[in-house]
Structures are given as structure tokens and as C-alpha cells.
Amino acid sequence: MYSIQTQNKDTIYYNPNVKKLYIVDKRIDNKLQYEVRATIDNDDRLLGRYSDKAVAQEVMNDLISDSYWNDAAVFCMPEDESICQ
């Protein structure tokens, strides 16, 4: 069993039924942002938002890596410090 905690730490998906992980480019406040999203239980969910696409891709890859599918209880989406400032 595993869980995913969203970047803002408001939601934890416990043992989610993840069908797809993907990145969406969005312009927010005149800046290009990259959202890591997932289809969980047939609903689209925002997991985290990043200013650097390479970081978003790395986070997405971490979610599907062999080290993720272990006995760890929660994977917390890392903060994007450039957005939080």
C-alpha cells in the first residue's frame, strides 16, 4: 500500500488507483507553470505545480520508479521554492 500527498499538503490519496500521470503546461500570472497531474479513480487530480519542466518530469518519474513502489507509507510532492516566494 502507498499514498500520495499533494504539494500543498491538503490532500493525501490513500492507496490510489492511478491510471495515468502527466504534465500540463499552464500560464498562471503571466508565467509558464508545469502541473504534475494524475488520473486517480477516474478523476483528474493536481499533485503539484513547478516552474521548471525538468523538475516536474523528475517528480513524475519518481512516482513511477522502482523505489516508489515499496513499503513507504507516503510520498510527499516536493515544494517548488520559486513558486512559493
PDB file of N, CA and C in Angstrom:
ATOM      1  N   MET A   1       0.828  -1.184   0.000  1.00  0.00           N
ATOM      2  CA  MET A   1       0.000   0.000   0.000  1.00  0.00           C
ATOM      3  C   MET A   1       0.870   1.244   0.000  1.00  0.00           C
ATOM      4  N   TYR A   2       0.396   2.298  -0.623  1.00  0.00           N
ATOM      5  CA  TYR A   2       1.134   3.545  -0.660  1.00  0.00           C
ATOM      6  C   TYR A   2       0.139   4.692  -0.733  1.00  0.00           C
ATOM      7  N   SER A   3       0.630   5.888  -0.474  1.00  0.00           N
ATOM      8  CA  SER A   3      -0.198   7.081  -0.528  1.00  0.00           C
ATOM      9  C   SER A   3       0.572   8.187  -1.226  1.00  0.00           C
ATOM     10  N   ILE A   4      -0.171   9.158  -1.745  1.00  0.00           N
ATOM     11  CA  ILE A   4       0.428  10.334  -2.379  1.00  0.00           C
ATOM     12  C   ILE A   4      -0.144  11.554  -1.680  1.00  0.00           C
ATOM     13  N   GLN A   5       0.744  12.429  -1.197  1.00  0.00           N
ATOM     14  CA  GLN A   5       0.312  13.682  -0.599  1.00  0.00           C
ATOM     15  C   GLN A   5       0.534  14.788  -1.609  1.00  0.00           C
ATOM     16  N   THR A   6      -0.461  15.654  -1.786  1.00  0.00           N
ATOM     17  CA  THR A   6      -0.323  16.746  -2.741  1.00  0.00           C
ATOM     18  C   THR A   6       0.694  17.760  -2.254  1.00  0.00           C
ATOM     19  N   GLN A   7       1.146  18.596  -3.186  1.00  0.00           N
ATOM     20  CA  GLN A   7       2.199  19.564  -2.896  1.00  0.00           C
ATOM     21  C   GLN A   7       1.808  20.518  -1.764  1.00  0.00           C
ATOM     22  N   ASN A   8       0.554  20.956  -1.728  1.00  0.00           N
ATOM     23  CA  ASN A   8       0.141  21.889  -0.676  1.00  0.00           C
ATOM     24  C   ASN A   8      -0.225  21.181   0.629  1.00  0.00           C
ATOM     25  N   LYS A   9      -0.094  19.860   0.645  1.00  0.00           N
ATOM     26  CA  LYS A   9      -0.300  19.017   1.829  1.00  0.00           C
ATOM     27  C   LYS A   9      -1.736  19.016   2.328  1.00  0.00           C
ATOM     28  N   ASP A  10      -2.699  19.438   1.501  1.00  0.00           N
ATOM     29  CA  ASP A  10      -4.103  19.448   1.887  1.00  0.00           C
ATOM     30  C   ASP A  10      -4.799  18.116   1.657  1.00  0.00           C
ATOM     31  N   THR A  11      -4.209  17.271   0.808  1.00  0.00           N
ATOM     32  CA  THR A  11      -4.873  16.010   0.448  1.00  0.00           C
ATOM     33  C   THR A  11      -3.862  14.876   0.420  1.00  0.00           C
ATOM     34  N   ILE A  12      -4.263  13.743   0.959  1.00  0.00           N
ATOM     35  CA  ILE A  12      -3.493  12.509   0.828  1.00  0.00           C
ATOM     36  C   ILE A  12      -4.401  11.483   0.160  1.00  0.00           C
ATOM     37  N   TYR A  13      -3.924  10.922  -0.950  1.00  0.00           N
ATOM     38  CA  TYR A  13      -4.656   9.845  -1.616  1.00  0.00           C
ATOM     39  C   TYR A  13      -4.117   8.534  -1.069  1.00  0.00           C
ATOM     40  N   TYR A  14      -4.934   7.831  -0.311  1.00  0.00           N
ATOM     41  CA  TYR A  14      -4.528   6.586   0.318  1.00  0.00           C
ATOM     42  C   TYR A  14      -4.806   5.434  -0.635  1.00  0.00           C
ATOM     43  N   ASN A  15      -3.756   4.700  -0.986  1.00  0.00           N
ATOM     44  CA  ASN A  15      -3.865   3.565  -1.906  1.00  0.00           C
ATOM     45  C   ASN A  15      -4.630   3.954  -3.175  1.00  0.00           C
ATOM     46  N   PRO A  16      -4.159   4.978  -3.873  1.00  0.00           N
ATOM     47  CA  PRO A  16      -4.901   5.479  -5.034  1.00  0.00           C
ATOM     48  C   PRO A  16      -4.854   4.512  -6.219  1.00  0.00           C
ATOM     49  N   ASN A  17      -5.900   4.536  -6.998  1.00  0.00           N
ATOM     50  CA  ASN A  17      -5.982   3.775  -8.238  1.00  0.00           C
ATOM     51  C   ASN A  17      -5.530   4.711  -9.364  1.00  0.00           C
ATOM     52  N   VAL A  18      -4.203   4.801  -9.565  1.00  0.00           N
ATOM     53  CA  VAL A  18      -3.625   5.723 -10.543  1.00  0.00           C
ATOM     54  C   VAL A  18      -3.609   5.065 -11.922  1.00  0.00           C
ATOM     55  N   LYS A  19      -4.252   5.725 -12.875  1.00  0.00           N
ATOM     56  CA  LYS A  19      -4.280   5.220 -14.247  1.00  0.00           C
ATOM     57  C   LYS A  19      -3.288   5.943 -15.147  1.00  0.00           C
ATOM     58  N   LYS A  20      -3.049   7.220 -14.850  1.00  0.00           N
ATOM     59  CA  LYS A  20      -2.174   8.000 -15.729  1.00  0.00           C
ATOM     60  C   LYS A  20      -1.533   9.135 -14.938  1.00  0.00           C
ATOM     61  N   LEU A  21      -0.250   9.374 -15.180  1.00  0.00           N
ATOM     62  CA  LEU A  21       0.477  10.535 -14.669  1.00  0.00           C
ATOM     63  C   LEU A  21       0.891  11.369 -15.874  1.00  0.00           C
ATOM     64  N   TYR A  22       0.746  12.686 -15.785  1.00  0.00           N
ATOM     65  CA  TYR A  22       1.100  13.518 -16.929  1.00  0.00           C
ATOM     66  C   TYR A  22       1.383  14.945 -16.489  1.00  0.00           C
ATOM     67  N   ILE A  23       1.961  15.720 -17.402  1.00  0.00           N
ATOM     68  CA  ILE A  23       2.311  17.117 -17.149  1.00  0.00           C
ATOM     69  C   ILE A  23       1.485  17.997 -18.076  1.00  0.00           C
ATOM     70  N   VAL A  24       0.931  19.069 -17.506  1.00  0.00           N
ATOM     71  CA  VAL A  24       0.170  20.054 -18.275  1.00  0.00           C
ATOM     72  C   VAL A  24       0.880  21.392 -18.152  1.00  0.00           C
ATOM     73  N   ASP A  25       1.112  22.059 -19.294  1.00  0.00           N
ATOM     74  CA  ASP A  25       1.692  23.405 -19.293  1.00  0.00           C
ATOM     75  C   ASP A  25       0.550  24.405 -19.108  1.00  0.00           C
ATOM     76  N   LYS A  26       0.694  25.324 -18.150  1.00  0.00           N
ATOM     77  CA  LYS A  26      -0.325  26.353 -17.913  1.00  0.00           C
ATOM     78  C   LYS A  26       0.343  27.689 -17.694  1.00  0.00           C
ATOM     79  N   ARG A  27      -0.294  28.736 -18.191  1.00  0.00           N
ATOM     80  CA  ARG A  27       0.197  30.087 -17.938  1.00  0.00           C
ATOM     81  C   ARG A  27      -0.595  30.639 -16.759  1.00  0.00           C
ATOM     82  N   ILE A  28       0.114  30.914 -15.653  1.00  0.00           N
ATOM     83  CA  ILE A  28      -0.502  31.428 -14.437  1.00  0.00           C
ATOM     84  C   ILE A  28       0.260  32.683 -14.031  1.00  0.00           C
ATOM     85  N   ASP A  29      -0.467  33.782 -13.852  1.00  0.00           N
ATOM     86  CA  ASP A  29       0.152  35.070 -13.512  1.00  0.00           C
ATOM     87  C   ASP A  29       1.251  35.428 -14.511  1.00  0.00           C
ATOM     88  N   ASN A  30       0.980  35.212 -15.779  1.00  0.00           N
ATOM     89  CA  ASN A  30       1.909  35.517 -16.875  1.00  0.00           C
ATOM     90  C   ASN A  30       3.199  34.717 -16.825  1.00  0.00           C
ATOM     91  N   LYS A  31       3.209  33.598 -16.108  1.00  0.00           N
ATOM     92  CA  LYS A  31       4.381  32.724 -16.047  1.00  0.00           C
ATOM     93  C   LYS A  31       3.958  31.318 -16.457  1.00  0.00           C
ATOM     94  N   LEU A  32       4.813  30.662 -17.206  1.00  0.00           N
ATOM     95  CA  LEU A  32       4.543  29.285 -17.604  1.00  0.00           C
ATOM     96  C   LEU A  32       4.832  28.362 -16.431  1.00  0.00           C
ATOM     97  N   GLN A  33       3.840  27.568 -16.049  1.00  0.00           N
ATOM     98  CA  GLN A  33       3.961  26.615 -14.953  1.00  0.00           C
ATOM     99  C   GLN A  33       3.688  25.212 -15.492  1.00  0.00           C
ATOM    100  N   TYR A  34       4.226  24.223 -14.832  1.00  0.00           N
ATOM    101  CA  TYR A  34       4.062  22.829 -15.249  1.00  0.00           C
ATOM    102  C   TYR A  34       3.392  22.063 -14.117  1.00  0.00           C
ATOM    103  N   GLU A  35       2.201  21.552 -14.389  1.00  0.00           N
ATOM    104  CA  GLU A  35       1.441  20.823 -13.383  1.00  0.00           C
ATOM    105  C   GLU A  35       1.634  19.325 -13.547  1.00  0.00           C
ATOM    106  N   VAL A  36       1.980  18.665 -12.457  1.00  0.00           N
ATOM    107  CA  VAL A  36       2.008  17.212 -12.444  1.00  0.00           C
ATOM    108  C   VAL A  36       0.604  16.784 -12.033  1.00  0.00           C
ATOM    109  N   ARG A  37      -0.052  16.047 -12.910  1.00  0.00           N
ATOM    110  CA  ARG A  37      -1.430  15.634 -12.677  1.00  0.00           C
ATOM    111  C   ARG A  37      -1.525  14.116 -12.776  1.00  0.00           C
ATOM    112  N   ALA A  38      -2.601  13.596 -12.217  1.00  0.00           N
ATOM    113  CA  ALA A  38      -2.832  12.152 -12.265  1.00  0.00           C
ATOM    114  C   ALA A  38      -4.312  11.885 -12.433  1.00  0.00           C
ATOM    115  N   THR A  39      -4.613  10.791 -13.091  1.00  0.00           N
ATOM    116  CA  THR A  39      -5.979  10.296 -13.122  1.00  0.00           C
ATOM    117  C   THR A  39      -6.075   9.264 -11.999  1.00  0.00           C
ATOM    118  N   ILE A  40      -6.809   9.628 -10.960  1.00  0.00           N
ATOM    119  CA  ILE A  40      -6.976   8.779  -9.778  1.00  0.00           C
ATOM    120  C   ILE A  40      -8.462   8.480  -9.630  1.00  0.00           C
ATOM    121  N   ASP A  41      -8.804   7.208  -9.634  1.00  0.00           N
ATOM    122  CA  ASP A  41     -10.206   6.780  -9.538  1.00  0.00           C
ATOM    123  C   ASP A  41     -11.071   7.517 -10.562  1.00  0.00           C
ATOM    124  N   ASN A  42     -10.562   7.616 -11.792  1.00  0.00           N
ATOM    125  CA  ASN A  42     -11.261   8.213 -12.937  1.00  0.00           C
ATOM    126  C   ASN A  42     -11.505   9.714 -12.805  1.00  0.00           C
ATOM    127  N   ASP A  43     -10.800  10.402 -11.905  1.00  0.00           N
ATOM    128  CA  ASP A  43     -10.894  11.853 -11.775  1.00  0.00           C
ATOM    129  C   ASP A  43      -9.518  12.469 -11.972  1.00  0.00           C
ATOM    130  N   ASP A  44      -9.481  13.643 -12.606  1.00  0.00           N
ATOM    131  CA  ASP A  44      -8.233  14.361 -12.822  1.00  0.00           C
ATOM    132  C   ASP A  44      -7.846  15.061 -11.524  1.00  0.00           C
ATOM    133  N   ARG A  45      -6.588  14.875 -11.082  1.00  0.00           N
ATOM    134  CA  ARG A  45      -6.114  15.451  -9.820  1.00  0.00           C
ATOM    135  C   ARG A  45      -4.796  16.171 -10.019  1.00  0.00           C
ATOM    136  N   LEU A  46      -4.690  17.385  -9.458  1.00  0.00           N
ATOM    137  CA  LEU A  46      -3.439  18.141  -9.443  1.00  0.00           C
ATOM    138  C   LEU A  46      -2.604  17.660  -8.272  1.00  0.00           C
ATOM    139  N   LEU A  47      -1.386  17.214  -8.549  1.00  0.00           N
ATOM    140  CA  LEU A  47      -0.488  16.765  -7.495  1.00  0.00           C
ATOM    141  C   LEU A  47       0.510  17.832  -7.095  1.00  0.00           C
ATOM    142  N   GLY A  48       0.971  18.626  -8.061  1.00  0.00           N
ATOM    143  CA  GLY A  48       1.936  19.674  -7.757  1.00  0.00           C
ATOM    144  C   GLY A  48       2.171  20.561  -8.959  1.00  0.00           C
ATOM    145  N   ARG A  49       2.684  21.770  -8.718  1.00  0.00           N
ATOM    146  CA  ARG A  49       2.943  22.744  -9.779  1.00  0.00           C
ATOM    147  C   ARG A  49       4.387  23.205  -9.660  1.00  0.00           C
ATOM    148  N   TYR A  50       5.074  23.287 -10.808  1.00  0.00           N
ATOM    149  CA  TYR A  50       6.511  23.597 -10.828  1.00  0.00           C
ATOM    150  C   TYR A  50       6.810  24.622 -11.910  1.00  0.00           C
ATOM    151  N   SER A  51       7.836  25.448 -11.667  1.00  0.00           N
ATOM    152  CA  SER A  51       8.237  26.453 -12.650  1.00  0.00           C
ATOM    153  C   SER A  51       9.225  25.883 -13.662  1.00  0.00           C
ATOM    154  N   ASP A  52       9.802  24.750 -13.379  1.00  0.00           N
ATOM    155  CA  ASP A  52      10.792  24.115 -14.256  1.00  0.00           C
ATOM    156  C   ASP A  52      10.246  22.767 -14.733  1.00  0.00           C
ATOM    157  N   LYS A  53      10.137  22.595 -16.042  1.00  0.00           N
ATOM    158  CA  LYS A  53       9.577  21.358 -16.586  1.00  0.00           C
ATOM    159  C   LYS A  53      10.430  20.144 -16.234  1.00  0.00           C
ATOM    160  N   ALA A  54      11.748  20.318 -16.176  1.00  0.00           N
ATOM    161  CA  ALA A  54      12.626  19.197 -15.829  1.00  0.00           C
ATOM    162  C   ALA A  54      12.341  18.701 -14.413  1.00  0.00           C
ATOM    163  N   VAL A  55      12.046  19.616 -13.499  1.00  0.00           N
ATOM    164  CA  VAL A  55      11.709  19.228 -12.125  1.00  0.00           C
ATOM    165  C   VAL A  55      10.372  18.482 -12.117  1.00  0.00           C
ATOM    166  N   ALA A  56       9.402  18.983 -12.861  1.00  0.00           N
ATOM    167  CA  ALA A  56       8.095  18.311 -12.946  1.00  0.00           C
ATOM    168  C   ALA A  56       8.253  16.903 -13.509  1.00  0.00           C
ATOM    169  N   GLN A  57       9.087  16.754 -14.528  1.00  0.00           N
ATOM    170  CA  GLN A  57       9.320  15.427 -15.111  1.00  0.00           C
ATOM    171  C   GLN A  57      10.027  14.509 -14.121  1.00  0.00           C
ATOM    172  N   GLU A  58      10.956  15.057 -13.354  1.00  0.00           N
ATOM    173  CA  GLU A  58      11.670  14.260 -12.359  1.00  0.00           C
ATOM    174  C   GLU A  58      10.707  13.765 -11.272  1.00  0.00           C
ATOM    175  N   VAL A  59       9.826  14.645 -10.818  1.00  0.00           N
ATOM    176  CA  VAL A  59       8.832  14.259  -9.809  1.00  0.00           C
ATOM    177  C   VAL A  59       7.924  13.167 -10.363  1.00  0.00           C
ATOM    178  N   MET A  60       7.467  13.341 -11.590  1.00  0.00           N
ATOM    179  CA  MET A  60       6.600  12.347 -12.213  1.00  0.00           C
ATOM    180  C   MET A  60       7.325  11.006 -12.331  1.00  0.00           C
ATOM    181  N   ASN A  61       8.582  11.037 -12.731  1.00  0.00           N
ATOM    182  CA  ASN A  61       9.359   9.794 -12.837  1.00  0.00           C
ATOM    183  C   ASN A  61       9.578   9.151 -11.470  1.00  0.00           C
ATOM    184  N   ASP A  62       9.765   9.962 -10.428  1.00  0.00           N
ATOM    185  CA  ASP A  62       9.907   9.419  -9.078  1.00  0.00           C
ATOM    186  C   ASP A  62       8.652   8.660  -8.653  1.00  0.00           C
ATOM    187  N   LEU A  63       7.507   9.147  -9.092  1.00  0.00           N
ATOM    188  CA  LEU A  63       6.251   8.479  -8.737  1.00  0.00           C
ATOM    189  C   LEU A  63       6.150   7.075  -9.318  1.00  0.00           C
ATOM    190  N   ILE A  64       6.795   6.838 -10.448  1.00  0.00           N
ATOM    191  CA  ILE A  64       6.676   5.519 -11.078  1.00  0.00           C
ATOM    192  C   ILE A  64       7.945   4.684 -10.973  1.00  0.00           C
ATOM    193  N   SER A  65       8.954   5.218 -10.290  1.00  0.00           N
ATOM    194  CA  SER A  65      10.216   4.472 -10.192  1.00  0.00           C
ATOM    195  C   SER A  65      10.067   3.274  -9.265  1.00  0.00           C
ATOM    196  N   ASP A  66      11.009   2.363  -9.389  1.00  0.00           N
ATOM    197  CA  ASP A  66      11.000   1.164  -8.541  1.00  0.00           C
ATOM    198  C   ASP A  66      11.066   1.514  -7.066  1.00  0.00           C
ATOM    199  N   SER A  67      11.780   2.575  -6.721  1.00  0.00           N
ATOM    200  CA  SER A  67      11.905   2.931  -5.310  1.00  0.00           C
ATOM    201  C   SER A  67      10.581   3.425  -4.741  1.00  0.00           C
ATOM    202  N   TYR A  68       9.683   3.915  -5.603  1.00  0.00           N
ATOM    203  CA  TYR A  68       8.395   4.403  -5.115  1.00  0.00           C
ATOM    204  C   TYR A  68       7.463   3.252  -4.745  1.00  0.00           C
ATOM    205  N   TRP A  69       7.478   2.195  -5.512  1.00  0.00           N
ATOM    206  CA  TRP A  69       6.537   1.085  -5.284  1.00  0.00           C
ATOM    207  C   TRP A  69       7.068   0.137  -4.214  1.00  0.00           C
ATOM    208  N   ASN A  70       7.375   0.678  -3.056  1.00  0.00           N
ATOM    209  CA  ASN A  70       7.851  -0.152  -1.953  1.00  0.00           C
ATOM    210  C   ASN A  70       6.911   0.012  -0.766  1.00  0.00           C
ATOM    211  N   ASP A  71       7.384  -0.222   0.430  1.00  0.00           N
ATOM    212  CA  ASP A  71       6.530  -0.162   1.609  1.00  0.00           C
ATOM    213  C   ASP A  71       6.425   1.232   2.221  1.00  0.00           C
ATOM    214  N   ALA A  72       6.949   2.243   1.559  1.00  0.00           N
ATOM    215  CA  ALA A  72       6.861   3.595   2.094  1.00  0.00           C
ATOM    216  C   ALA A  72       5.393   4.006   2.211  1.00  0.00           C
ATOM    217  N   ALA A  73       5.049   4.649   3.304  1.00  0.00           N
ATOM    218  CA  ALA A  73       3.652   4.988   3.574  1.00  0.00           C
ATOM    219  C   ALA A  73       3.159   6.173   2.747  1.00  0.00           C
ATOM    220  N   VAL A  74       3.979   7.230   2.620  1.00  0.00           N
ATOM    221  CA  VAL A  74       3.526   8.442   1.943  1.00  0.00           C
ATOM    222  C   VAL A  74       4.644   8.999   1.077  1.00  0.00           C
ATOM    223  N   PHE A  75       4.303   9.408  -0.147  1.00  0.00           N
ATOM    224  CA  PHE A  75       5.224  10.147  -0.995  1.00  0.00           C
ATOM    225  C   PHE A  75       4.722  11.578  -1.015  1.00  0.00           C
ATOM    226  N   CYS A  76       5.506  12.506  -0.530  1.00  0.00           N
ATOM    227  CA  CYS A  76       5.105  13.903  -0.463  1.00  0.00           C
ATOM    228  C   CYS A  76       5.667  14.636  -1.675  1.00  0.00           C
ATOM    229  N   MET A  77       4.810  15.354  -2.394  1.00  0.00           N
ATOM    230  CA  MET A  77       5.250  16.122  -3.546  1.00  0.00           C
ATOM    231  C   MET A  77       6.161  17.238  -3.053  1.00  0.00           C
ATOM    232  N   PRO A  78       7.395  17.333  -3.563  1.00  0.00           N
ATOM    233  CA  PRO A  78       8.323  18.375  -3.097  1.00  0.00           C
ATOM    234  C   PRO A  78       7.820  19.761  -3.465  1.00  0.00           C
ATOM    235  N   GLU A  79       8.201  20.731  -2.664  1.00  0.00           N
ATOM    236  CA  GLU A  79       7.802  22.114  -2.908  1.00  0.00           C
ATOM    237  C   GLU A  79       8.629  22.704  -4.049  1.00  0.00           C
ATOM    238  N   ASP A  80       8.000  23.582  -4.802  1.00  0.00           N
ATOM    239  CA  ASP A  80       8.715  24.346  -5.810  1.00  0.00           C
ATOM    240  C   ASP A  80       8.986  25.713  -5.188  1.00  0.00           C
ATOM    241  N   GLU A  81      10.198  25.908  -4.747  1.00  0.00           N
ATOM    242  CA  GLU A  81      10.538  27.095  -3.983  1.00  0.00           C
ATOM    243  C   GLU A  81      10.343  28.375  -4.782  1.00  0.00           C
ATOM    244  N   SER A  82      10.494  28.324  -6.090  1.00  0.00           N
ATOM    245  CA  SER A  82      10.335  29.538  -6.877  1.00  0.00           C
ATOM    246  C   SER A  82       8.876  29.987  -6.930  1.00  0.00           C
ATOM    247  N   ILE A  83       7.931  29.069  -6.792  1.00  0.00           N
ATOM    248  CA  ILE A  83       6.511  29.427  -6.785  1.00  0.00           C
ATOM    249  C   ILE A  83       6.118  29.973  -5.405  1.00  0.00           C
ATOM    250  N   CYS A  84       6.712  29.419  -4.372  1.00  0.00           N
ATOM    251  CA  CYS A  84       6.329  29.783  -3.001  1.00  0.00           C
ATOM    252  C   CYS A  84       6.843  31.150  -2.575  1.00  0.00           C
ATOM    253  N   GLN A  85       7.732  31.739  -3.333  1.00  0.00           N
ATOM    254  CA  GLN A  85       8.309  33.035  -2.917  1.00  0.00           C
ATOM    255  C   GLN A  85       7.410  34.171  -3.287  1.00  0.00           C
TER     256      GLN A  85
END
